[in-house]
N, C-alpha and C. Protein backbone atom coordinates (compact mmCIF):
# COMPACT_ATOMS: atom_id res chain seq x y z
N MET A 1 0.89 -1.12 -0.25
CA MET A 1 0.03 0.08 0.11
C MET A 1 1.06 1.35 0.04
N SER A 2 0.27 2.33 -0.43
CA SER A 2 0.87 3.50 -0.64
C SER A 2 1.60 4.28 0.82
N GLU A 3 2.55 4.91 0.70
CA GLU A 3 2.99 5.50 1.97
C GLU A 3 2.66 7.04 1.75
N VAL A 4 2.40 7.49 0.50
CA VAL A 4 2.09 8.89 0.13
C VAL A 4 0.69 9.46 0.22
N LEU A 5 -0.13 8.56 -0.53
CA LEU A 5 -1.74 8.83 -0.49
C LEU A 5 -2.30 7.60 0.23
N TYR A 6 -3.48 8.06 1.32
CA TYR A 6 -4.31 7.27 1.71
C TYR A 6 -5.58 7.66 2.01
N GLU A 7 -6.43 6.62 1.94
CA GLU A 7 -8.19 7.00 2.28
C GLU A 7 -8.34 6.99 3.75
N TYR A 8 -9.08 8.00 4.12
CA TYR A 8 -9.30 8.11 5.64
C TYR A 8 -10.61 8.87 5.70
N CYS A 9 -11.70 8.56 6.44
CA CYS A 9 -12.99 9.13 6.52
C CYS A 9 -13.37 9.96 5.40
N GLY A 10 -13.62 9.19 4.20
CA GLY A 10 -14.08 9.91 3.17
C GLY A 10 -13.19 10.89 2.31
N GLY A 11 -11.95 11.18 2.94
CA GLY A 11 -10.84 12.12 2.30
C GLY A 11 -9.76 11.37 1.64
N LEU A 12 -9.20 11.79 0.45
CA LEU A 12 -7.71 11.44 0.29
C LEU A 12 -6.91 12.10 0.83
N TYR A 13 -5.83 11.38 1.63
CA TYR A 13 -5.01 12.12 2.50
C TYR A 13 -3.46 12.16 1.61
N VAL A 14 -3.00 13.29 1.79
CA VAL A 14 -1.64 13.28 1.30
C VAL A 14 -0.51 13.57 2.52
N ASN A 15 0.23 12.44 2.47
CA ASN A 15 1.41 12.45 3.13
C ASN A 15 2.81 12.99 2.95
N LEU A 16 3.20 14.23 2.83
CA LEU A 16 4.08 14.86 2.37
C LEU A 16 5.55 14.69 3.04
N THR A 17 5.36 14.51 4.05
CA THR A 17 6.55 14.59 5.05
C THR A 17 6.62 13.69 6.56
N ASN A 18 7.44 13.35 7.03
CA ASN A 18 7.40 12.81 8.50
C ASN A 18 7.98 13.77 9.45
N ARG A 19 8.49 14.99 8.84
CA ARG A 19 9.32 16.17 9.94
C ARG A 19 8.04 16.86 10.26
N CYS A 20 8.49 17.13 11.72
CA CYS A 20 7.66 18.06 12.43
C CYS A 20 8.35 18.73 13.57
N PRO A 21 7.94 20.06 13.63
CA PRO A 21 8.63 20.78 14.89
C PRO A 21 8.17 20.35 16.17
N CYS A 22 7.10 19.69 16.31
CA CYS A 22 6.52 19.30 17.46
C CYS A 22 6.72 17.85 17.53
N SER A 23 6.97 17.21 18.96
CA SER A 23 6.87 15.62 19.38
C SER A 23 5.84 15.53 20.06
N CYS A 24 4.52 15.76 20.07
CA CYS A 24 3.47 15.63 20.92
C CYS A 24 3.39 14.25 21.48
N ASP A 25 2.83 14.16 22.81
CA ASP A 25 3.02 12.84 23.37
C ASP A 25 2.02 11.92 22.91
N PHE A 26 0.92 12.35 22.32
CA PHE A 26 -0.32 11.96 21.69
C PHE A 26 0.01 11.42 20.47
N CYS A 27 0.78 11.91 19.65
CA CYS A 27 1.08 11.99 18.18
C CYS A 27 0.71 10.34 17.77
N ILE A 28 0.06 10.07 16.72
CA ILE A 28 -0.56 8.81 16.26
C ILE A 28 0.65 7.85 15.85
N LYS A 29 1.85 8.63 15.28
CA LYS A 29 2.81 7.76 15.03
C LYS A 29 3.90 7.17 15.80
N ASN A 30 3.57 7.58 17.09
CA ASN A 30 4.34 6.90 18.20
C ASN A 30 3.67 5.70 18.50
N PHE A 31 2.47 5.31 18.09
CA PHE A 31 1.83 4.07 18.30
C PHE A 31 1.15 3.01 17.45
N THR A 32 1.50 3.59 15.92
CA THR A 32 1.09 2.71 14.65
C THR A 32 1.91 3.39 13.61
N ASP A 33 2.12 2.39 12.66
CA ASP A 33 3.08 2.93 11.49
C ASP A 33 2.01 3.18 10.51
N GLY A 34 0.49 2.82 10.50
CA GLY A 34 -0.23 3.40 9.38
C GLY A 34 -1.46 3.75 9.82
N LEU A 35 -2.39 4.30 9.01
CA LEU A 35 -3.50 4.87 9.44
C LEU A 35 -4.36 4.50 8.01
N GLY A 36 -5.94 4.38 8.48
CA GLY A 36 -6.62 4.51 7.07
C GLY A 36 -6.20 3.30 6.17
N SER A 37 -6.32 3.54 5.10
CA SER A 37 -5.98 2.26 3.88
C SER A 37 -4.23 2.13 3.98
N SER A 38 -3.59 2.89 4.78
CA SER A 38 -2.23 2.74 4.49
C SER A 38 -1.56 1.79 5.53
N ASP A 39 -0.78 0.72 5.31
CA ASP A 39 -0.21 0.13 6.25
C ASP A 39 1.05 0.83 7.11
N SER A 40 1.70 1.62 6.19
CA SER A 40 2.81 2.51 6.73
C SER A 40 2.87 3.92 6.14
N LEU A 41 2.66 4.79 7.02
CA LEU A 41 2.94 6.27 6.34
C LEU A 41 4.48 6.87 6.70
N LEU A 42 5.26 5.68 7.09
CA LEU A 42 6.70 6.28 7.45
C LEU A 42 7.29 6.18 6.07
N LEU A 43 7.76 7.25 5.82
CA LEU A 43 8.31 7.60 4.46
C LEU A 43 9.78 7.61 4.01
N THR A 44 9.91 6.44 2.94
CA THR A 44 11.47 6.45 2.61
C THR A 44 12.16 7.68 2.27
N GLU A 45 11.17 8.46 1.62
CA GLU A 45 11.83 9.58 1.00
C GLU A 45 10.56 10.47 0.72
N GLU A 46 10.77 11.99 0.83
CA GLU A 46 9.66 12.68 0.79
C GLU A 46 9.29 12.78 -0.63
N PRO A 47 7.93 12.65 -1.15
CA PRO A 47 7.57 12.75 -2.48
C PRO A 47 7.62 14.31 -3.06
N SER A 48 8.00 13.99 -4.58
CA SER A 48 8.00 15.02 -5.25
C SER A 48 6.61 15.66 -5.76
N VAL A 49 6.15 16.63 -6.30
CA VAL A 49 4.87 17.05 -6.49
C VAL A 49 4.46 16.28 -7.51
N SER A 50 5.45 15.96 -8.47
CA SER A 50 4.79 15.07 -9.74
C SER A 50 4.84 13.61 -9.21
N ASP A 51 5.35 13.16 -8.18
CA ASP A 51 4.97 11.78 -7.44
C ASP A 51 3.69 11.92 -7.08
N VAL A 52 3.35 13.07 -6.19
CA VAL A 52 1.95 12.84 -5.74
C VAL A 52 0.92 12.84 -6.77
N MET A 53 1.23 13.70 -7.84
CA MET A 53 0.17 13.97 -8.93
C MET A 53 0.07 12.44 -9.57
N GLU A 54 1.02 12.11 -10.12
CA GLU A 54 1.24 10.85 -10.79
C GLU A 54 0.44 9.66 -9.81
N GLU A 55 0.50 9.35 -8.62
CA GLU A 55 0.02 8.62 -7.78
C GLU A 55 -1.69 8.79 -7.68
N MET A 56 -1.87 10.10 -7.72
CA MET A 56 -3.32 10.44 -7.61
C MET A 56 -4.25 9.91 -8.83
N GLU A 57 -3.59 9.74 -10.01
CA GLU A 57 -4.04 9.21 -11.08
C GLU A 57 -4.50 7.94 -11.04
N GLN A 58 -3.94 7.05 -10.13
CA GLN A 58 -4.30 5.76 -9.63
C GLN A 58 -5.22 5.59 -9.10
N TRP A 59 -6.18 6.75 -8.43
CA TRP A 59 -7.12 6.50 -7.40
C TRP A 59 -8.44 7.13 -8.36
N ASP A 60 -9.52 6.58 -7.82
CA ASP A 60 -10.95 7.23 -8.52
C ASP A 60 -11.17 8.38 -7.78
N MET A 61 -11.03 9.77 -8.17
CA MET A 61 -11.03 10.86 -7.45
C MET A 61 -12.52 11.11 -7.11
N ASP A 62 -13.46 10.54 -7.88
CA ASP A 62 -14.70 10.64 -7.75
C ASP A 62 -15.20 10.08 -6.41
N GLU A 63 -14.62 9.23 -5.74
CA GLU A 63 -14.74 8.67 -4.33
C GLU A 63 -14.70 9.58 -3.44
N PHE A 64 -13.97 10.67 -3.34
CA PHE A 64 -13.83 11.30 -2.35
C PHE A 64 -14.39 13.08 -2.27
N ASP A 65 -14.59 13.19 -1.17
CA ASP A 65 -15.37 14.60 -0.82
C ASP A 65 -13.90 15.63 -0.77
N GLU A 66 -12.80 15.35 -0.53
CA GLU A 66 -11.79 16.38 -0.32
C GLU A 66 -10.48 15.67 -0.50
N VAL A 67 -9.28 16.67 -0.58
CA VAL A 67 -8.21 16.20 -0.61
C VAL A 67 -7.41 16.81 0.77
N VAL A 68 -6.72 15.89 1.32
CA VAL A 68 -6.49 16.49 3.01
C VAL A 68 -4.98 16.36 2.91
N PHE A 69 -4.35 17.54 3.23
CA PHE A 69 -2.98 17.71 3.60
C PHE A 69 -2.65 17.08 4.91
N CYS A 70 -2.45 15.96 5.27
CA CYS A 70 -2.12 15.55 6.61
C CYS A 70 -1.47 14.20 6.71
N GLY A 71 -0.27 13.86 7.27
CA GLY A 71 0.31 12.60 7.28
C GLY A 71 0.91 12.41 8.55
N TYR A 72 1.91 11.91 8.85
CA TYR A 72 2.86 11.37 9.78
C TYR A 72 3.86 12.68 10.14
N GLY A 73 3.64 13.82 9.54
CA GLY A 73 4.51 15.03 9.64
C GLY A 73 3.33 16.11 9.62
N GLU A 74 4.33 17.28 9.89
CA GLU A 74 3.67 18.53 9.69
C GLU A 74 3.64 19.02 8.16
N PRO A 75 2.30 19.19 7.76
CA PRO A 75 2.31 19.44 6.07
C PRO A 75 2.92 20.66 5.85
N THR A 76 3.04 21.77 6.53
CA THR A 76 3.44 23.01 5.97
C THR A 76 4.99 23.44 6.08
N GLN A 77 5.68 22.02 6.57
CA GLN A 77 7.24 21.80 6.31
C GLN A 77 7.46 21.75 4.92
N ARG A 78 6.52 21.72 3.80
CA ARG A 78 6.87 21.49 2.62
C ARG A 78 5.48 22.33 1.88
N LEU A 79 5.60 23.61 2.17
CA LEU A 79 4.37 24.52 2.12
C LEU A 79 4.42 24.87 0.53
N PRO A 80 5.60 24.92 -0.21
CA PRO A 80 5.74 25.19 -1.56
C PRO A 80 5.19 24.11 -2.29
N GLU A 81 5.56 22.89 -2.07
CA GLU A 81 4.96 21.92 -2.54
C GLU A 81 3.53 21.48 -2.39
N LEU A 82 3.22 21.86 -0.98
CA LEU A 82 1.95 21.48 -0.84
C LEU A 82 0.78 22.47 -1.49
N LEU A 83 1.23 23.63 -1.89
CA LEU A 83 0.30 24.71 -2.64
C LEU A 83 0.46 24.38 -4.09
N GLN A 84 1.50 23.80 -4.67
CA GLN A 84 1.61 23.44 -6.02
C GLN A 84 0.48 22.28 -6.29
N ILE A 85 0.47 21.26 -5.23
CA ILE A 85 -0.41 20.13 -5.42
C ILE A 85 -2.02 20.49 -5.28
N ALA A 86 -2.21 21.59 -4.15
CA ALA A 86 -3.50 22.03 -4.08
C ALA A 86 -3.88 22.69 -5.36
N GLU A 87 -3.19 23.47 -5.88
CA GLU A 87 -3.49 24.18 -7.46
C GLU A 87 -3.83 23.05 -8.46
N GLN A 88 -3.07 22.06 -8.71
CA GLN A 88 -2.95 21.31 -9.45
C GLN A 88 -4.40 20.31 -9.17
N VAL A 89 -4.56 20.03 -7.93
CA VAL A 89 -5.83 19.18 -7.64
C VAL A 89 -7.11 19.93 -7.68
N LYS A 90 -7.17 21.26 -7.68
CA LYS A 90 -8.25 21.97 -8.12
C LYS A 90 -8.58 22.10 -9.56
N ASP A 91 -7.48 22.43 -10.05
CA ASP A 91 -7.44 22.42 -11.57
C ASP A 91 -7.91 21.43 -12.52
N LYS A 92 -7.26 20.13 -11.86
CA LYS A 92 -7.67 18.81 -12.41
C LYS A 92 -8.90 18.14 -12.11
N TYR A 93 -8.94 18.36 -10.74
CA TYR A 93 -10.15 17.49 -10.26
C TYR A 93 -11.48 18.18 -9.59
N GLY A 94 -11.26 19.68 -9.29
CA GLY A 94 -12.01 20.48 -8.65
C GLY A 94 -12.55 19.78 -7.19
N LYS A 95 -11.46 19.64 -6.60
CA LYS A 95 -11.72 18.95 -5.29
C LYS A 95 -11.76 20.24 -4.14
N ARG A 96 -12.28 20.02 -2.96
CA ARG A 96 -11.92 20.79 -1.86
C ARG A 96 -10.64 20.38 -1.39
N THR A 97 -10.04 21.25 -0.69
CA THR A 97 -8.77 20.84 -0.21
C THR A 97 -8.64 21.48 1.37
N ARG A 98 -8.14 20.68 2.18
CA ARG A 98 -7.83 20.93 3.60
C ARG A 98 -6.60 20.72 4.07
N ILE A 99 -6.06 21.51 5.11
CA ILE A 99 -4.86 21.22 5.66
C ILE A 99 -5.07 21.01 7.37
N ASN A 100 -4.39 19.81 7.75
CA ASN A 100 -4.41 19.63 9.17
C ASN A 100 -3.17 20.00 9.47
N THR A 101 -3.20 20.98 10.67
CA THR A 101 -1.84 21.40 10.78
C THR A 101 -1.63 21.81 12.31
N ILE A 102 -0.33 22.13 12.79
CA ILE A 102 -0.24 22.38 14.24
C ILE A 102 -0.11 24.16 14.13
N GLY A 103 -0.32 24.67 13.09
CA GLY A 103 0.00 26.05 13.01
C GLY A 103 0.86 27.02 13.11
N LEU A 104 2.17 26.29 12.87
CA LEU A 104 3.34 26.97 13.15
C LEU A 104 4.45 27.28 11.68
N ALA A 105 3.39 27.08 10.71
CA ALA A 105 4.19 27.49 9.46
C ALA A 105 4.94 28.93 9.48
N ASP A 106 4.46 29.86 10.18
CA ASP A 106 5.13 31.15 9.95
C ASP A 106 6.49 31.04 10.81
N LEU A 107 6.59 30.25 11.76
CA LEU A 107 7.86 29.79 12.43
C LEU A 107 8.68 29.05 11.52
N ILE A 108 8.17 28.23 10.89
CA ILE A 108 9.06 27.04 10.26
C ILE A 108 9.53 28.14 8.99
N TRP A 109 8.82 29.02 8.35
CA TRP A 109 9.27 29.76 7.00
C TRP A 109 9.69 31.05 7.43
N GLN A 110 9.85 31.55 8.50
CA GLN A 110 10.23 32.95 9.18
C GLN A 110 9.60 33.84 8.33
N GLU A 111 8.40 33.80 8.05
CA GLU A 111 7.60 34.61 7.17
C GLU A 111 5.98 34.37 7.70
N GLU A 112 5.27 35.51 7.07
CA GLU A 112 3.59 35.27 7.13
C GLU A 112 3.20 34.37 5.83
N THR A 113 2.63 33.13 6.19
CA THR A 113 2.36 32.24 5.30
C THR A 113 0.93 32.18 4.74
N ALA A 114 0.01 32.84 5.84
CA ALA A 114 -1.30 32.62 5.56
C ALA A 114 -1.95 33.22 4.21
N PRO A 115 -1.44 34.28 3.63
CA PRO A 115 -1.86 34.78 2.40
C PRO A 115 -1.66 33.87 1.11
N LYS A 116 -0.67 32.94 1.28
CA LYS A 116 -0.18 31.75 0.18
C LYS A 116 -1.30 30.85 0.07
N LEU A 117 -2.29 30.98 1.14
CA LEU A 117 -3.23 29.97 1.00
C LEU A 117 -4.65 30.13 0.25
N GLU A 118 -4.80 31.67 -0.15
CA GLU A 118 -6.12 31.91 -0.75
C GLU A 118 -6.12 31.41 -1.97
N GLY A 119 -7.26 31.07 -2.28
CA GLY A 119 -7.82 30.37 -3.44
C GLY A 119 -7.50 28.88 -3.62
N LEU A 120 -6.63 28.52 -2.81
CA LEU A 120 -5.96 27.09 -3.03
C LEU A 120 -6.38 26.04 -1.84
N ILE A 121 -6.53 26.92 -0.82
CA ILE A 121 -7.23 26.01 0.39
C ILE A 121 -8.44 26.52 0.89
N ASP A 122 -9.17 25.31 0.84
CA ASP A 122 -10.70 25.88 1.44
C ASP A 122 -10.88 25.53 2.68
N SER A 123 -10.22 24.82 3.50
CA SER A 123 -10.43 24.54 4.96
C SER A 123 -9.07 24.28 5.68
N VAL A 124 -9.03 24.69 6.95
CA VAL A 124 -7.63 24.52 7.90
C VAL A 124 -8.28 24.22 9.08
N ASN A 125 -7.44 23.15 9.68
CA ASN A 125 -7.89 22.81 11.18
C ASN A 125 -6.46 22.92 11.80
N VAL A 126 -6.54 23.74 12.65
CA VAL A 126 -5.34 24.00 13.56
C VAL A 126 -5.45 23.16 15.10
N SER A 127 -4.20 22.26 15.14
CA SER A 127 -4.42 21.75 16.43
C SER A 127 -3.77 22.86 17.72
N MET A 128 -5.11 22.93 18.36
CA MET A 128 -4.44 23.99 19.51
C MET A 128 -4.15 23.14 20.71
N ASN A 129 -4.71 21.92 20.99
CA ASN A 129 -4.06 20.88 21.93
C ASN A 129 -4.27 21.32 23.33
N GLU A 130 -4.04 22.64 23.84
CA GLU A 130 -3.94 22.96 25.25
C GLU A 130 -4.33 24.23 25.45
N ALA A 131 -4.93 24.86 26.45
CA ALA A 131 -5.43 25.92 26.93
C ALA A 131 -4.55 27.15 27.16
N ASP A 132 -3.15 26.64 27.38
CA ASP A 132 -2.03 27.75 27.58
C ASP A 132 -1.01 27.39 27.40
N GLU A 133 0.27 28.24 27.11
CA GLU A 133 1.51 27.71 26.61
C GLU A 133 2.36 26.89 27.42
N GLU A 134 1.94 26.85 28.96
CA GLU A 134 2.68 25.86 29.66
C GLU A 134 2.33 24.55 29.56
N LYS A 135 1.14 24.50 29.38
CA LYS A 135 0.46 23.02 29.33
C LYS A 135 0.79 22.59 27.88
N TYR A 136 0.72 23.49 26.79
CA TYR A 136 0.87 22.98 25.47
C TYR A 136 2.53 22.74 25.30
N GLU A 137 3.39 23.58 25.96
CA GLU A 137 4.64 23.12 25.66
C GLU A 137 5.16 21.78 26.37
N ALA A 138 4.25 21.38 27.40
CA ALA A 138 4.66 20.19 28.28
C ALA A 138 3.95 19.01 27.58
N LEU A 139 2.81 19.29 26.79
CA LEU A 139 2.19 18.14 25.84
C LEU A 139 2.85 18.19 24.48
N CYS A 140 3.37 19.06 23.74
CA CYS A 140 3.60 18.90 22.64
C CYS A 140 5.07 19.37 22.13
N HIS A 141 5.83 19.65 23.20
CA HIS A 141 7.19 19.85 22.94
C HIS A 141 7.62 20.38 21.66
N PRO A 142 7.37 21.76 21.27
CA PRO A 142 7.91 22.45 20.24
C PRO A 142 9.21 22.98 20.25
N VAL A 143 9.99 22.75 19.03
CA VAL A 143 11.30 23.50 19.13
C VAL A 143 11.45 24.83 18.98
N PHE A 144 10.15 25.54 18.58
CA PHE A 144 10.36 26.97 18.83
C PHE A 144 9.81 27.51 19.95
N GLU A 145 10.54 28.69 20.35
CA GLU A 145 10.02 29.62 21.57
C GLU A 145 8.74 30.34 21.01
N GLY A 146 7.92 30.48 21.94
CA GLY A 146 6.86 31.26 21.48
C GLY A 146 5.73 30.42 20.51
N SER A 147 5.77 29.34 20.39
CA SER A 147 4.82 28.47 19.52
C SER A 147 3.45 28.68 19.95
N TYR A 148 2.94 28.69 21.12
CA TYR A 148 1.62 28.91 21.46
C TYR A 148 0.96 29.89 20.68
N ASP A 149 1.39 31.11 21.21
CA ASP A 149 1.11 32.27 20.78
C ASP A 149 1.29 32.54 19.16
N ALA A 150 2.33 32.00 18.51
CA ALA A 150 2.26 31.72 17.17
C ALA A 150 1.19 30.88 16.61
N MET A 151 0.81 30.01 17.23
CA MET A 151 -0.27 29.17 16.70
C MET A 151 -1.58 29.84 16.91
N LEU A 152 -1.92 30.70 17.88
CA LEU A 152 -3.00 31.41 17.92
C LEU A 152 -3.03 32.65 16.86
N LYS A 153 -2.01 33.06 16.64
CA LYS A 153 -1.85 34.30 15.71
C LYS A 153 -2.20 33.51 14.39
N TYR A 154 -1.64 32.66 13.92
CA TYR A 154 -2.04 32.12 12.82
C TYR A 154 -3.43 31.88 12.42
N VAL A 155 -4.07 31.27 13.62
CA VAL A 155 -5.52 31.02 13.34
C VAL A 155 -6.09 32.45 12.87
N GLU A 156 -5.83 33.45 13.89
CA GLU A 156 -6.29 34.81 13.17
C GLU A 156 -6.30 35.05 11.83
N ASP A 157 -4.81 35.01 11.50
CA ASP A 157 -4.49 35.16 10.16
C ASP A 157 -5.20 34.46 9.01
N ILE A 158 -5.30 33.42 9.27
CA ILE A 158 -5.82 32.29 7.97
C ILE A 158 -7.24 32.77 7.84
N LYS A 159 -8.18 33.16 9.09
CA LYS A 159 -9.38 33.63 8.78
C LYS A 159 -9.65 34.37 7.57
N LYS A 160 -8.49 35.40 7.21
CA LYS A 160 -8.68 36.39 6.38
C LYS A 160 -8.47 35.82 4.90
N TYR A 161 -7.98 34.52 4.83
CA TYR A 161 -7.63 33.93 3.46
C TYR A 161 -8.33 32.68 3.23
N VAL A 162 -8.93 31.82 4.21
CA VAL A 162 -9.41 30.76 3.85
C VAL A 162 -10.84 30.66 4.56
N PRO A 163 -11.99 30.26 3.74
CA PRO A 163 -13.17 30.17 4.35
C PRO A 163 -13.78 29.40 5.34
N ASP A 164 -12.88 28.37 5.73
CA ASP A 164 -13.46 27.44 6.55
C ASP A 164 -12.25 27.07 7.84
N VAL A 165 -12.31 27.78 8.89
CA VAL A 165 -11.17 27.40 9.91
C VAL A 165 -11.82 27.13 10.93
N SER A 166 -11.00 25.81 11.66
CA SER A 166 -11.59 25.43 12.94
C SER A 166 -10.04 25.08 13.63
N VAL A 167 -10.47 24.93 14.93
CA VAL A 167 -9.24 24.56 15.82
C VAL A 167 -9.93 23.09 16.50
N SER A 168 -8.89 22.46 16.90
CA SER A 168 -9.15 21.36 17.47
C SER A 168 -8.19 20.74 18.98
N VAL A 169 -8.70 20.13 19.56
CA VAL A 169 -7.86 19.39 20.87
C VAL A 169 -8.11 17.74 20.77
N VAL A 170 -6.90 17.24 21.50
CA VAL A 170 -7.00 15.98 21.84
C VAL A 170 -7.92 15.66 23.06
N GLY A 171 -8.66 14.48 23.10
CA GLY A 171 -9.48 13.94 24.05
C GLY A 171 -8.83 13.80 25.22
N CYS A 172 -7.53 13.59 25.31
CA CYS A 172 -6.68 13.22 26.45
C CYS A 172 -6.50 14.29 27.25
N ILE A 173 -6.70 15.61 26.98
CA ILE A 173 -6.69 16.56 28.22
C ILE A 173 -7.75 16.70 28.98
N SER A 174 -7.35 17.43 30.02
CA SER A 174 -8.60 17.72 30.88
C SER A 174 -10.02 18.18 30.75
N ARG A 175 -10.85 18.07 30.84
CA ARG A 175 -12.15 18.61 30.94
C ARG A 175 -12.37 20.22 30.86
N ASP A 176 -11.50 20.61 32.11
CA ASP A 176 -11.35 22.12 32.43
C ASP A 176 -10.44 22.74 30.98
N SER A 177 -9.49 21.95 30.69
CA SER A 177 -8.65 22.54 29.45
C SER A 177 -9.54 22.62 28.13
N ILE A 178 -10.33 21.58 28.00
CA ILE A 178 -11.07 21.50 26.72
C ILE A 178 -12.07 22.56 26.66
N GLU A 179 -12.69 22.80 27.89
CA GLU A 179 -13.74 23.98 27.94
C GLU A 179 -12.84 25.50 27.76
N LYS A 180 -11.71 25.57 28.23
CA LYS A 180 -10.77 26.76 28.00
C LYS A 180 -10.66 26.90 26.52
N CYS A 181 -10.26 25.60 25.68
CA CYS A 181 -9.99 25.81 24.43
C CYS A 181 -11.18 26.02 23.59
N ARG A 182 -12.34 25.82 24.16
CA ARG A 182 -13.51 25.93 23.78
C ARG A 182 -13.96 27.54 23.44
N GLN A 183 -13.72 28.06 24.78
CA GLN A 183 -13.92 29.44 24.73
C GLN A 183 -12.80 30.17 23.87
N LYS A 184 -11.70 29.98 23.74
CA LYS A 184 -10.83 30.53 22.87
C LYS A 184 -11.28 30.47 21.30
N ALA A 185 -11.81 29.22 21.00
CA ALA A 185 -12.10 29.12 19.74
C ALA A 185 -13.26 30.10 19.59
N GLU A 186 -14.19 30.45 20.40
CA GLU A 186 -15.15 31.14 20.27
C GLU A 186 -14.82 32.41 20.32
N ASP A 187 -13.86 32.80 21.00
CA ASP A 187 -13.35 34.13 20.87
C ASP A 187 -12.49 34.48 19.64
N LEU A 188 -11.87 33.45 18.92
CA LEU A 188 -11.28 33.49 17.88
C LEU A 188 -12.37 33.69 16.61
N GLY A 189 -13.32 33.16 16.74
CA GLY A 189 -14.63 33.04 15.76
C GLY A 189 -14.42 31.94 14.87
N VAL A 190 -13.72 30.92 15.37
CA VAL A 190 -13.56 29.62 14.44
C VAL A 190 -14.42 28.44 15.23
N ARG A 191 -14.65 27.50 14.48
CA ARG A 191 -15.13 26.25 14.77
C ARG A 191 -14.13 25.45 16.06
N PHE A 192 -14.88 24.48 16.48
CA PHE A 192 -14.05 23.91 17.71
C PHE A 192 -14.66 22.48 17.63
N ARG A 193 -13.64 21.53 17.74
CA ARG A 193 -14.00 20.24 17.82
C ARG A 193 -12.78 19.37 18.65
N VAL A 194 -13.39 18.41 19.38
CA VAL A 194 -12.62 17.50 20.12
C VAL A 194 -12.15 16.20 19.17
N ARG A 195 -10.92 15.99 19.02
CA ARG A 195 -10.79 14.65 18.20
C ARG A 195 -10.01 13.50 19.24
């Protein structure tokens, strides 16, 4: 089975990288090699844009509601490639596109990245994961200082360029933290879910 594309919950998921600036305690790659239709999402090498598009031709794209950039790494680590693929997906298949992200693209690239998503990405889900910086750092172990505030700023920024924005948390955090995160999402004016 493919390590690059996999079917999950009605979407076709694109696994662009296994790199991530966080090492979250709950990360699924700590517990299993594969997800959905893939036996393993552990990449032997990162796929090129043409690799992804050629592999996509082997799938019946009519079966999928959307193409989702989410794998065993942070998809915005490869933002230029992600955007090229999103553009081709829209041109060739007319599919909705979504990014599941930790929301640290601006720290990864050292520039404002949200405007690059306009017209190419329909939906972004940002993993908030905790209610404050201290708890977030203890759970997610980001390599960048100021990651929690950068993630919140990213949510604010992408609302200007992407029509559907949500934040999510993992269900393993405390009920109090979940409710505080729900309130933060409401204050930010975005949807909230527990995953």
